[in-house]
Amino acid sequence: MFDLSIGMILGKIKKPGYLNDSILFWCFVASIFLLALALGAIEFLLPKDLDFISLHYNIYTGIDRAGLRSEMLYYVLAALIFFAINAFFSARFFKKGDIFISRLVAGFNAGIMTLFAFAIFYIIFLNR
C-alpha cells in the first residue's frame, strides 16, 4: 500500500538532493505559490459577468486586445508548463553538479513567475 501521509511526503522532499539546497527549495516554493496566487486571482478577483476581458490598454487606441475568461486559464496552464520545464532543467543541472547554473535557472524561473503574477493582476485591475 502507498503511504500518503504528510510526514512521508515532506520526508521525501527534504531528503538529500535537489530540494535540499535552500535557494532551489525556496525558488521552487515561490514559483508554485505565485502560480496558485495567479489562479486564485483569476477565479476570485476577476468579475464573472464580463462579456470580454481587456488584456492590454493603449492610451492612444484604447483596448488593443480582448479575450474570454477561459483564455486566462490557458495563460496559467502555459506558465505551469514553463515552470515544469525550467524545474526539470534546474534539477538536471543540479544532478550534473552545476549548482550555480541550477540556482540561476531556478531564480530565473521564480522571476518569470513573479512577472507573470504581476501581469495577471494588471489584467484583473484593468477590468474592474
N, C-alpha and C. Protein backbone atom coordinates (compact mmCIF):
# COMPACT_ATOMS: atom_id res chain seq x y z
N MET A 1 0.83 -1.18 0.00
CA MET A 1 0.00 0.00 0.00
C MET A 1 0.88 1.25 0.00
N PHE A 2 0.32 2.27 -0.58
CA PHE A 2 1.02 3.55 -0.61
C PHE A 2 0.72 4.32 0.66
N ASP A 3 1.76 4.85 1.26
CA ASP A 3 1.59 5.69 2.44
C ASP A 3 1.67 7.14 1.99
N LEU A 4 0.54 7.83 1.99
CA LEU A 4 0.48 9.20 1.51
C LEU A 4 0.34 10.20 2.65
N SER A 5 0.96 9.91 3.79
CA SER A 5 0.87 10.85 4.90
C SER A 5 1.74 12.07 4.62
N ILE A 6 1.40 13.17 5.27
CA ILE A 6 2.12 14.43 5.06
C ILE A 6 3.58 14.29 5.47
N GLY A 7 3.84 13.60 6.58
CA GLY A 7 5.21 13.43 7.04
C GLY A 7 6.07 12.66 6.04
N MET A 8 5.49 11.63 5.42
CA MET A 8 6.23 10.84 4.44
C MET A 8 6.54 11.68 3.20
N ILE A 9 5.58 12.47 2.76
CA ILE A 9 5.79 13.32 1.59
C ILE A 9 6.85 14.38 1.88
N LEU A 10 6.78 15.01 3.05
CA LEU A 10 7.79 16.02 3.42
C LEU A 10 9.16 15.38 3.58
N GLY A 11 9.21 14.15 4.08
CA GLY A 11 10.48 13.44 4.21
C GLY A 11 11.12 13.18 2.86
N LYS A 12 10.30 12.84 1.87
CA LYS A 12 10.84 12.61 0.52
C LYS A 12 11.31 13.90 -0.12
N ILE A 13 10.60 14.99 0.14
CA ILE A 13 11.00 16.28 -0.44
C ILE A 13 12.32 16.75 0.17
N LYS A 14 12.48 16.61 1.47
CA LYS A 14 13.65 17.15 2.15
C LYS A 14 14.83 16.19 2.19
N LYS A 15 14.74 15.01 1.59
CA LYS A 15 15.90 14.11 1.59
C LYS A 15 17.01 14.74 0.76
N PRO A 16 18.25 14.34 0.98
CA PRO A 16 19.35 14.98 0.25
C PRO A 16 19.14 14.92 -1.26
N GLY A 17 19.25 16.05 -1.87
CA GLY A 17 19.04 16.13 -3.31
C GLY A 17 18.69 17.54 -3.73
N TYR A 18 17.91 17.62 -4.79
CA TYR A 18 17.60 18.89 -5.45
C TYR A 18 16.98 19.90 -4.50
N LEU A 19 15.95 19.51 -3.76
CA LEU A 19 15.25 20.48 -2.92
C LEU A 19 15.88 20.64 -1.54
N ASN A 20 17.01 19.98 -1.30
CA ASN A 20 17.71 20.17 -0.04
C ASN A 20 18.50 21.48 -0.06
N ASP A 21 18.85 21.97 -1.23
CA ASP A 21 19.52 23.25 -1.37
C ASP A 21 18.50 24.35 -1.10
N SER A 22 18.80 25.26 -0.19
CA SER A 22 17.79 26.23 0.25
C SER A 22 17.36 27.19 -0.85
N ILE A 23 18.29 27.63 -1.70
CA ILE A 23 17.92 28.55 -2.78
C ILE A 23 16.98 27.86 -3.76
N LEU A 24 17.31 26.63 -4.12
CA LEU A 24 16.45 25.89 -5.06
C LEU A 24 15.08 25.61 -4.44
N PHE A 25 15.09 25.24 -3.16
CA PHE A 25 13.82 24.94 -2.49
C PHE A 25 12.91 26.16 -2.45
N TRP A 26 13.45 27.32 -2.05
CA TRP A 26 12.59 28.49 -1.92
C TRP A 26 12.18 29.07 -3.27
N CYS A 27 13.02 28.93 -4.29
CA CYS A 27 12.60 29.34 -5.64
C CYS A 27 11.47 28.44 -6.14
N PHE A 28 11.56 27.15 -5.84
CA PHE A 28 10.53 26.19 -6.22
C PHE A 28 9.21 26.52 -5.50
N VAL A 29 9.29 26.74 -4.20
CA VAL A 29 8.09 27.06 -3.41
C VAL A 29 7.49 28.39 -3.86
N ALA A 30 8.33 29.40 -4.11
CA ALA A 30 7.83 30.70 -4.55
C ALA A 30 7.15 30.60 -5.91
N SER A 31 7.70 29.80 -6.81
CA SER A 31 7.08 29.65 -8.13
C SER A 31 5.71 28.99 -8.02
N ILE A 32 5.61 27.95 -7.20
CA ILE A 32 4.31 27.29 -7.02
C ILE A 32 3.32 28.24 -6.36
N PHE A 33 3.77 29.00 -5.36
CA PHE A 33 2.90 29.97 -4.69
C PHE A 33 2.40 31.03 -5.67
N LEU A 34 3.28 31.53 -6.53
CA LEU A 34 2.87 32.57 -7.49
C LEU A 34 1.90 32.03 -8.52
N LEU A 35 2.07 30.78 -8.95
CA LEU A 35 1.09 30.17 -9.86
C LEU A 35 -0.27 30.03 -9.18
N ALA A 36 -0.27 29.58 -7.93
CA ALA A 36 -1.53 29.45 -7.19
C ALA A 36 -2.16 30.82 -6.95
N LEU A 37 -1.34 31.82 -6.69
CA LEU A 37 -1.85 33.18 -6.49
C LEU A 37 -2.51 33.71 -7.77
N ALA A 38 -1.88 33.47 -8.91
CA ALA A 38 -2.45 33.93 -10.18
C ALA A 38 -3.76 33.21 -10.48
N LEU A 39 -3.80 31.90 -10.25
CA LEU A 39 -5.03 31.15 -10.49
C LEU A 39 -6.15 31.59 -9.55
N GLY A 40 -5.81 31.80 -8.28
CA GLY A 40 -6.80 32.29 -7.33
C GLY A 40 -7.30 33.68 -7.67
N ALA A 41 -6.40 34.53 -8.15
CA ALA A 41 -6.81 35.88 -8.54
C ALA A 41 -7.77 35.84 -9.72
N ILE A 42 -7.51 34.96 -10.67
CA ILE A 42 -8.42 34.84 -11.83
C ILE A 42 -9.78 34.36 -11.37
N GLU A 43 -9.81 33.39 -10.48
CA GLU A 43 -11.08 32.81 -10.06
C GLU A 43 -11.87 33.73 -9.13
N PHE A 44 -11.19 34.45 -8.25
CA PHE A 44 -11.91 35.19 -7.22
C PHE A 44 -11.96 36.69 -7.43
N LEU A 45 -11.01 37.28 -8.13
CA LEU A 45 -10.99 38.73 -8.29
C LEU A 45 -11.53 39.21 -9.63
N LEU A 46 -11.44 38.37 -10.65
CA LEU A 46 -11.92 38.77 -11.97
C LEU A 46 -13.44 38.68 -12.00
N PRO A 47 -14.13 39.77 -12.35
CA PRO A 47 -15.59 39.72 -12.39
C PRO A 47 -16.08 38.64 -13.35
N LYS A 48 -17.07 37.87 -12.90
CA LYS A 48 -17.55 36.73 -13.69
C LYS A 48 -18.56 37.12 -14.76
N ASP A 49 -19.08 38.33 -14.71
CA ASP A 49 -20.13 38.73 -15.65
C ASP A 49 -19.62 39.55 -16.83
N LEU A 50 -18.33 39.51 -17.10
CA LEU A 50 -17.79 40.27 -18.23
C LEU A 50 -18.02 39.55 -19.54
N ASP A 51 -18.38 40.30 -20.58
CA ASP A 51 -18.51 39.71 -21.91
C ASP A 51 -17.14 39.44 -22.51
N PHE A 52 -16.21 40.31 -22.26
CA PHE A 52 -14.84 40.12 -22.73
C PHE A 52 -13.89 40.67 -21.69
N ILE A 53 -12.67 40.28 -21.79
CA ILE A 53 -11.64 40.74 -20.87
C ILE A 53 -10.61 41.51 -21.67
N SER A 54 -10.39 42.76 -21.30
CA SER A 54 -9.36 43.53 -21.99
C SER A 54 -8.00 43.11 -21.47
N LEU A 55 -7.14 42.68 -22.38
CA LEU A 55 -5.84 42.16 -21.99
C LEU A 55 -4.74 43.20 -22.06
N HIS A 56 -4.98 44.28 -22.79
CA HIS A 56 -3.96 45.32 -22.91
C HIS A 56 -4.67 46.63 -23.18
N TYR A 57 -4.18 47.71 -22.62
CA TYR A 57 -4.78 49.02 -22.84
C TYR A 57 -3.72 49.95 -23.38
N ASN A 58 -4.04 50.57 -24.50
CA ASN A 58 -3.14 51.53 -25.13
C ASN A 58 -3.75 52.91 -24.95
N ILE A 59 -2.97 53.89 -24.52
CA ILE A 59 -3.54 55.21 -24.24
C ILE A 59 -4.00 55.91 -25.52
N TYR A 60 -3.51 55.50 -26.67
CA TYR A 60 -3.89 56.14 -27.93
C TYR A 60 -5.10 55.48 -28.58
N THR A 61 -5.16 54.17 -28.54
CA THR A 61 -6.24 53.46 -29.26
C THR A 61 -7.25 52.80 -28.35
N GLY A 62 -7.05 52.82 -27.06
CA GLY A 62 -7.97 52.15 -26.16
C GLY A 62 -7.56 50.69 -25.98
N ILE A 63 -8.56 49.81 -25.96
CA ILE A 63 -8.29 48.39 -25.75
C ILE A 63 -7.69 47.79 -27.01
N ASP A 64 -6.49 47.25 -26.88
CA ASP A 64 -5.83 46.63 -28.03
C ASP A 64 -6.33 45.22 -28.29
N ARG A 65 -6.54 44.46 -27.24
CA ARG A 65 -6.88 43.06 -27.42
C ARG A 65 -7.85 42.65 -26.33
N ALA A 66 -8.84 41.87 -26.70
CA ALA A 66 -9.80 41.38 -25.74
C ALA A 66 -9.90 39.87 -25.87
N GLY A 67 -10.15 39.19 -24.76
CA GLY A 67 -10.25 37.74 -24.77
C GLY A 67 -11.36 37.27 -23.85
N LEU A 68 -11.50 35.99 -23.77
CA LEU A 68 -12.51 35.37 -22.92
C LEU A 68 -11.90 35.00 -21.58
N ARG A 69 -12.77 34.69 -20.62
CA ARG A 69 -12.31 34.29 -19.30
C ARG A 69 -11.50 33.00 -19.35
N SER A 70 -11.92 32.07 -20.19
CA SER A 70 -11.20 30.79 -20.29
C SER A 70 -9.79 30.97 -20.84
N GLU A 71 -9.58 32.04 -21.63
CA GLU A 71 -8.26 32.30 -22.17
C GLU A 71 -7.26 32.62 -21.05
N MET A 72 -7.74 33.21 -19.98
CA MET A 72 -6.87 33.50 -18.84
C MET A 72 -6.34 32.21 -18.22
N LEU A 73 -7.18 31.17 -18.20
CA LEU A 73 -6.73 29.89 -17.64
C LEU A 73 -5.68 29.23 -18.53
N TYR A 74 -5.75 29.50 -19.83
CA TYR A 74 -4.71 28.98 -20.73
C TYR A 74 -3.36 29.62 -20.42
N TYR A 75 -3.37 30.88 -20.02
CA TYR A 75 -2.12 31.54 -19.63
C TYR A 75 -1.51 30.88 -18.40
N VAL A 76 -2.37 30.51 -17.44
CA VAL A 76 -1.87 29.83 -16.25
C VAL A 76 -1.32 28.45 -16.62
N LEU A 77 -2.00 27.75 -17.52
CA LEU A 77 -1.51 26.45 -17.98
C LEU A 77 -0.17 26.58 -18.68
N ALA A 78 -0.03 27.61 -19.51
CA ALA A 78 1.25 27.84 -20.20
C ALA A 78 2.35 28.16 -19.19
N ALA A 79 2.03 28.94 -18.15
CA ALA A 79 3.02 29.25 -17.12
C ALA A 79 3.40 28.00 -16.33
N LEU A 80 2.43 27.12 -16.09
CA LEU A 80 2.71 25.87 -15.40
C LEU A 80 3.65 24.98 -16.21
N ILE A 81 3.44 24.92 -17.52
CA ILE A 81 4.32 24.14 -18.40
C ILE A 81 5.72 24.75 -18.41
N PHE A 82 5.80 26.08 -18.49
CA PHE A 82 7.09 26.77 -18.43
C PHE A 82 7.80 26.48 -17.12
N PHE A 83 7.07 26.51 -16.02
CA PHE A 83 7.63 26.22 -14.71
C PHE A 83 8.16 24.79 -14.65
N ALA A 84 7.39 23.84 -15.18
CA ALA A 84 7.81 22.43 -15.14
C ALA A 84 9.08 22.20 -15.96
N ILE A 85 9.16 22.83 -17.13
CA ILE A 85 10.35 22.67 -17.98
C ILE A 85 11.58 23.27 -17.29
N ASN A 86 11.43 24.46 -16.71
CA ASN A 86 12.56 25.08 -16.01
C ASN A 86 12.97 24.29 -14.77
N ALA A 87 11.99 23.75 -14.03
CA ALA A 87 12.33 22.93 -12.86
C ALA A 87 13.06 21.66 -13.30
N PHE A 88 12.67 21.09 -14.43
CA PHE A 88 13.35 19.90 -14.95
C PHE A 88 14.80 20.22 -15.29
N PHE A 89 15.03 21.32 -16.01
CA PHE A 89 16.40 21.68 -16.37
C PHE A 89 17.23 22.05 -15.14
N SER A 90 16.61 22.71 -14.17
CA SER A 90 17.32 23.05 -12.95
C SER A 90 17.75 21.78 -12.20
N ALA A 91 16.86 20.79 -12.15
CA ALA A 91 17.20 19.52 -11.49
C ALA A 91 18.28 18.77 -12.26
N ARG A 92 18.25 18.83 -13.58
CA ARG A 92 19.29 18.16 -14.39
C ARG A 92 20.66 18.79 -14.15
N PHE A 93 20.71 20.12 -14.12
CA PHE A 93 21.98 20.79 -13.85
C PHE A 93 22.48 20.47 -12.44
N PHE A 94 21.55 20.39 -11.47
CA PHE A 94 21.93 20.05 -10.10
C PHE A 94 22.51 18.64 -10.04
N LYS A 95 21.88 17.72 -10.76
CA LYS A 95 22.34 16.33 -10.77
C LYS A 95 23.73 16.20 -11.39
N LYS A 96 24.01 17.04 -12.40
CA LYS A 96 25.33 17.01 -13.05
C LYS A 96 26.40 17.68 -12.20
N GLY A 97 26.00 18.40 -11.17
CA GLY A 97 26.97 19.07 -10.31
C GLY A 97 27.12 20.55 -10.58
N ASP A 98 26.40 21.08 -11.53
CA ASP A 98 26.46 22.51 -11.84
C ASP A 98 25.46 23.26 -10.96
N ILE A 99 25.83 23.44 -9.69
CA ILE A 99 24.89 24.02 -8.73
C ILE A 99 24.62 25.48 -9.05
N PHE A 100 25.63 26.22 -9.50
CA PHE A 100 25.43 27.64 -9.83
C PHE A 100 24.42 27.79 -10.97
N ILE A 101 24.57 27.00 -12.03
CA ILE A 101 23.64 27.07 -13.17
C ILE A 101 22.24 26.65 -12.71
N SER A 102 22.17 25.63 -11.87
CA SER A 102 20.88 25.17 -11.36
C SER A 102 20.19 26.28 -10.57
N ARG A 103 20.95 26.97 -9.73
CA ARG A 103 20.38 28.08 -8.96
C ARG A 103 19.98 29.23 -9.87
N LEU A 104 20.77 29.47 -10.90
CA LEU A 104 20.47 30.53 -11.86
C LEU A 104 19.15 30.24 -12.59
N VAL A 105 18.97 29.00 -13.03
CA VAL A 105 17.73 28.62 -13.72
C VAL A 105 16.54 28.71 -12.77
N ALA A 106 16.71 28.27 -11.52
CA ALA A 106 15.61 28.34 -10.54
C ALA A 106 15.26 29.80 -10.23
N GLY A 107 16.26 30.65 -10.09
CA GLY A 107 15.99 32.08 -9.85
C GLY A 107 15.31 32.74 -11.03
N PHE A 108 15.73 32.37 -12.24
CA PHE A 108 15.08 32.88 -13.45
C PHE A 108 13.62 32.44 -13.48
N ASN A 109 13.37 31.19 -13.11
CA ASN A 109 12.01 30.66 -13.08
C ASN A 109 11.15 31.44 -12.10
N ALA A 110 11.66 31.69 -10.90
CA ALA A 110 10.90 32.44 -9.90
C ALA A 110 10.68 33.88 -10.36
N GLY A 111 11.66 34.47 -11.02
CA GLY A 111 11.50 35.84 -11.54
C GLY A 111 10.43 35.92 -12.61
N ILE A 112 10.42 34.96 -13.52
CA ILE A 112 9.40 34.95 -14.58
C ILE A 112 8.02 34.72 -13.98
N MET A 113 7.91 33.86 -12.97
CA MET A 113 6.61 33.63 -12.33
C MET A 113 6.14 34.90 -11.62
N THR A 114 7.07 35.68 -11.07
CA THR A 114 6.70 36.96 -10.44
C THR A 114 6.14 37.92 -11.48
N LEU A 115 6.82 38.03 -12.61
CA LEU A 115 6.31 38.89 -13.69
C LEU A 115 4.96 38.41 -14.20
N PHE A 116 4.78 37.09 -14.29
CA PHE A 116 3.51 36.53 -14.72
C PHE A 116 2.39 36.90 -13.74
N ALA A 117 2.66 36.79 -12.44
CA ALA A 117 1.64 37.15 -11.44
C ALA A 117 1.31 38.64 -11.52
N PHE A 118 2.33 39.48 -11.72
CA PHE A 118 2.07 40.92 -11.89
C PHE A 118 1.22 41.18 -13.12
N ALA A 119 1.48 40.48 -14.21
CA ALA A 119 0.69 40.65 -15.44
C ALA A 119 -0.76 40.24 -15.23
N ILE A 120 -0.98 39.15 -14.51
CA ILE A 120 -2.35 38.70 -14.22
C ILE A 120 -3.08 39.75 -13.39
N PHE A 121 -2.42 40.29 -12.37
CA PHE A 121 -3.06 41.32 -11.55
C PHE A 121 -3.30 42.60 -12.34
N TYR A 122 -2.42 42.93 -13.28
CA TYR A 122 -2.64 44.09 -14.15
C TYR A 122 -3.90 43.88 -14.99
N ILE A 123 -4.06 42.71 -15.56
CA ILE A 123 -5.24 42.42 -16.37
C ILE A 123 -6.50 42.46 -15.52
N ILE A 124 -6.43 41.92 -14.31
CA ILE A 124 -7.60 41.91 -13.43
C ILE A 124 -8.01 43.34 -13.05
N PHE A 125 -7.06 44.16 -12.66
CA PHE A 125 -7.41 45.52 -12.25
C PHE A 125 -7.73 46.42 -13.44
N LEU A 126 -7.30 46.04 -14.63
CA LEU A 126 -7.70 46.76 -15.84
C LEU A 126 -9.19 46.53 -16.12
N ASN A 127 -9.71 45.40 -15.68
CA ASN A 127 -11.10 45.03 -15.95
C ASN A 127 -12.04 45.30 -14.79
N ARG A 128 -11.62 46.00 -13.79
CA ARG A 128 -12.51 46.30 -12.66
C ARG A 128 -13.20 47.62 -12.88
